[in-house]
Amino acid sequence: RDSGSEEINPPNRENCESVHRQSARPVVAFPRPGDVFKIDPSFSPEAQQIRLKAENLGAWKDLRWSVDGKTVPSGPEGTAWWRLSGGRHRARVRVLRESGWIESSAPAFFVAGDR
């Protein structure tokens, strides 16, 4: 028997990958865990925002972002803009799929400065 010269694929590999993407949890891609941002007092608060991004969304019907449990409005592409505020924060994304709501983990990030 040859040990690994032939790749064996399931008969419905595309369907298997699709099912895996649909059942996997969404992931907060930005900000990343441990990211640090700094508020610059020489710029207006409106100019100091980060764009929240997610991966592994799958086919979603609805998507909701929150930072520290407070809702952040999201756009049709699934991203959201959040104004920097000093302190330690956690971002989370929830997606509604055919199977119901699925929530990401909530990576912590830090913003230095006051506002």
C-alpha atoms as a PDB file:
ATOM      1  CA  ARG A   1       0.000   0.000   0.000  1.00  0.00           C
ATOM      2  CA  ASP A   2       1.359   3.423  -0.987  1.00  0.00           C
ATOM      3  CA  SER A   3       1.329   5.771   2.016  1.00  0.00           C
ATOM      4  CA  GLY A   4       0.039   9.057   0.712  1.00  0.00           C
ATOM      5  CA  SER A   5       0.708   9.240  -3.002  1.00  0.00           C
ATOM      6  CA  GLU A   6      -3.004   9.438  -3.776  1.00  0.00           C
ATOM      7  CA  GLU A   7      -5.395  12.050  -2.429  1.00  0.00           C
ATOM      8  CA  ILE A   8      -8.827  10.749  -1.537  1.00  0.00           C
ATOM      9  CA  ASN A   9     -11.658  13.241  -1.860  1.00  0.00           C
ATOM     10  CA  PRO A  10     -15.192  12.781  -0.562  1.00  0.00           C
ATOM     11  CA  PRO A  11     -17.723  12.384  -3.396  1.00  0.00           C
ATOM     12  CA  ASN A  12     -19.460  15.671  -2.552  1.00  0.00           C
ATOM     13  CA  ARG A  13     -16.437  17.708  -1.478  1.00  0.00           C
ATOM     14  CA  GLU A  14     -17.984  21.038  -2.553  1.00  0.00           C
ATOM     15  CA  ASN A  15     -21.089  20.329  -0.469  1.00  0.00           C
ATOM     16  CA  CYS A  16     -18.953  19.344   2.535  1.00  0.00           C
ATOM     17  CA  GLU A  17     -16.976  22.597   2.348  1.00  0.00           C
ATOM     18  CA  SER A  18     -20.192  24.609   2.023  1.00  0.00           C
ATOM     19  CA  VAL A  19     -21.712  22.920   5.088  1.00  0.00           C
ATOM     20  CA  HIS A  20     -18.513  23.562   7.077  1.00  0.00           C
ATOM     21  CA  ARG A  21     -18.532  27.276   6.162  1.00  0.00           C
ATOM     22  CA  GLN A  22     -22.189  27.547   7.185  1.00  0.00           C
ATOM     23  CA  SER A  23     -21.671  25.868  10.570  1.00  0.00           C
ATOM     24  CA  ALA A  24     -18.384  27.563  11.510  1.00  0.00           C
ATOM     25  CA  ARG A  25     -18.484  30.575  13.793  1.00  0.00           C
ATOM     26  CA  PRO A  26     -17.848  34.050  12.410  1.00  0.00           C
ATOM     27  CA  VAL A  27     -14.491  35.546  13.367  1.00  0.00           C
ATOM     28  CA  VAL A  28     -13.618  39.167  14.156  1.00  0.00           C
ATOM     29  CA  ALA A  29     -10.774  39.827  11.692  1.00  0.00           C
ATOM     30  CA  PHE A  30     -10.205  43.457  12.747  1.00  0.00           C
ATOM     31  CA  PRO A  31      -9.395  44.576  15.323  1.00  0.00           C
ATOM     32  CA  ARG A  32      -7.194  41.638  16.196  1.00  0.00           C
ATOM     33  CA  PRO A  33      -6.723  40.471  19.794  1.00  0.00           C
ATOM     34  CA  GLY A  34      -4.250  42.733  21.570  1.00  0.00           C
ATOM     35  CA  ASP A  35      -4.337  45.557  18.998  1.00  0.00           C
ATOM     36  CA  VAL A  36      -3.569  48.999  20.432  1.00  0.00           C
ATOM     37  CA  PHE A  37      -4.874  52.275  18.985  1.00  0.00           C
ATOM     38  CA  LYS A  38      -4.108  55.832  20.104  1.00  0.00           C
ATOM     39  CA  ILE A  39      -6.453  58.786  20.131  1.00  0.00           C
ATOM     40  CA  ASP A  40      -4.782  61.880  18.684  1.00  0.00           C
ATOM     41  CA  PRO A  41      -6.190  65.037  20.333  1.00  0.00           C
ATOM     42  CA  SER A  42      -5.270  67.108  17.273  1.00  0.00           C
ATOM     43  CA  PHE A  43      -7.920  65.307  15.161  1.00  0.00           C
ATOM     44  CA  SER A  44     -11.693  65.416  15.555  1.00  0.00           C
ATOM     45  CA  PRO A  45     -13.369  62.381  17.152  1.00  0.00           C
ATOM     46  CA  GLU A  46     -15.253  61.725  13.884  1.00  0.00           C
ATOM     47  CA  ALA A  47     -11.920  61.313  12.093  1.00  0.00           C
ATOM     48  CA  GLN A  48     -10.719  58.661  14.543  1.00  0.00           C
ATOM     49  CA  GLN A  49     -12.597  55.481  13.771  1.00  0.00           C
ATOM     50  CA  ILE A  50     -11.673  51.901  13.004  1.00  0.00           C
ATOM     51  CA  ARG A  51     -13.451  49.658  10.540  1.00  0.00           C
ATOM     52  CA  LEU A  52     -14.699  46.459  12.158  1.00  0.00           C
ATOM     53  CA  LYS A  53     -14.255  43.492   9.834  1.00  0.00           C
ATOM     54  CA  ALA A  54     -15.254  39.845  10.073  1.00  0.00           C
ATOM     55  CA  GLU A  55     -14.344  36.603   8.334  1.00  0.00           C
ATOM     56  CA  ASN A  56     -16.096  33.277   7.976  1.00  0.00           C
ATOM     57  CA  LEU A  57     -19.490  34.933   7.648  1.00  0.00           C
ATOM     58  CA  GLY A  58     -20.986  32.332   5.326  1.00  0.00           C
ATOM     59  CA  ALA A  59     -24.379  33.069   3.790  1.00  0.00           C
ATOM     60  CA  TRP A  60     -25.992  35.465   6.244  1.00  0.00           C
ATOM     61  CA  LYS A  61     -29.422  37.071   6.354  1.00  0.00           C
ATOM     62  CA  ASP A  62     -28.629  39.620   9.047  1.00  0.00           C
ATOM     63  CA  LEU A  63     -25.440  40.782  10.753  1.00  0.00           C
ATOM     64  CA  ARG A  64     -24.954  42.782  13.943  1.00  0.00           C
ATOM     65  CA  TRP A  65     -21.809  44.301  15.433  1.00  0.00           C
ATOM     66  CA  SER A  66     -21.299  45.330  19.034  1.00  0.00           C
ATOM     67  CA  VAL A  67     -18.442  46.802  21.041  1.00  0.00           C
ATOM     68  CA  ASP A  68     -18.642  46.323  24.810  1.00  0.00           C
ATOM     69  CA  GLY A  69     -22.218  45.127  24.375  1.00  0.00           C
ATOM     70  CA  LYS A  70     -23.376  48.302  22.581  1.00  0.00           C
ATOM     71  CA  THR A  71     -24.710  47.999  19.034  1.00  0.00           C
ATOM     72  CA  VAL A  72     -22.602  49.476  16.231  1.00  0.00           C
ATOM     73  CA  PRO A  73     -24.501  50.078  12.951  1.00  0.00           C
ATOM     74  CA  SER A  74     -23.187  47.930  10.109  1.00  0.00           C
ATOM     75  CA  GLY A  75     -23.209  48.399   6.369  1.00  0.00           C
ATOM     76  CA  PRO A  76     -24.509  46.028   3.695  1.00  0.00           C
ATOM     77  CA  GLU A  77     -21.029  44.540   3.191  1.00  0.00           C
ATOM     78  CA  GLY A  78     -20.903  43.386   6.828  1.00  0.00           C
ATOM     79  CA  THR A  79     -18.388  45.905   8.151  1.00  0.00           C
ATOM     80  CA  ALA A  80     -18.962  48.704  10.644  1.00  0.00           C
ATOM     81  CA  TRP A  81     -17.213  51.919  11.704  1.00  0.00           C
ATOM     82  CA  TRP A  82     -16.575  52.461  15.423  1.00  0.00           C
ATOM     83  CA  ARG A  83     -15.337  55.741  16.933  1.00  0.00           C
ATOM     84  CA  LEU A  84     -12.295  55.312  19.169  1.00  0.00           C
ATOM     85  CA  SER A  85     -12.903  55.629  22.892  1.00  0.00           C
ATOM     86  CA  GLY A  86     -10.180  55.286  25.517  1.00  0.00           C
ATOM     87  CA  GLY A  87      -9.848  52.021  27.430  1.00  0.00           C
ATOM     88  CA  ARG A  88     -10.039  48.270  26.957  1.00  0.00           C
ATOM     89  CA  HIS A  89     -12.786  47.063  24.609  1.00  0.00           C
ATOM     90  CA  ARG A  90     -14.242  43.897  23.080  1.00  0.00           C
ATOM     91  CA  ALA A  91     -15.770  43.643  19.597  1.00  0.00           C
ATOM     92  CA  ARG A  92     -18.254  40.940  18.624  1.00  0.00           C
ATOM     93  CA  VAL A  93     -20.179  40.070  15.477  1.00  0.00           C
ATOM     94  CA  ARG A  94     -23.393  38.033  15.273  1.00  0.00           C
ATOM     95  CA  VAL A  95     -24.756  36.599  12.046  1.00  0.00           C
ATOM     96  CA  LEU A  96     -28.176  35.201  11.297  1.00  0.00           C
ATOM     97  CA  ARG A  97     -27.981  32.124   9.093  1.00  0.00           C
ATOM     98  CA  GLU A  98     -30.528  29.495   8.133  1.00  0.00           C
ATOM     99  CA  SER A  99     -29.692  27.664  11.379  1.00  0.00           C
ATOM    100  CA  GLY A 100     -30.176  30.764  13.580  1.00  0.00           C
ATOM    101  CA  TRP A 101     -27.925  33.351  15.227  1.00  0.00           C
ATOM    102  CA  ILE A 102     -24.225  32.499  15.586  1.00  0.00           C
ATOM    103  CA  GLU A 103     -21.889  34.693  17.603  1.00  0.00           C
ATOM    104  CA  SER A 104     -18.147  35.235  17.320  1.00  0.00           C
ATOM    105  CA  SER A 105     -15.730  35.314  20.190  1.00  0.00           C
ATOM    106  CA  ALA A 106     -14.952  38.841  21.463  1.00  0.00           C
ATOM    107  CA  PRO A 107     -11.255  39.705  21.094  1.00  0.00           C
ATOM    108  CA  ALA A 108      -9.977  42.444  23.409  1.00  0.00           C
ATOM    109  CA  PHE A 109      -8.185  45.531  22.102  1.00  0.00           C
ATOM    110  CA  PHE A 110      -7.018  48.754  23.735  1.00  0.00           C
ATOM    111  CA  VAL A 111      -7.374  52.441  22.904  1.00  0.00           C
ATOM    112  CA  ALA A 112      -4.906  54.826  24.554  1.00  0.00           C
ATOM    113  CA  GLY A 113      -6.085  58.371  25.252  1.00  0.00           C
ATOM    114  CA  ASP A 114      -9.262  60.086  26.387  1.00  0.00           C
ATOM    115  CA  ARG A 115     -12.599  60.369  24.577  1.00  0.00           C
END
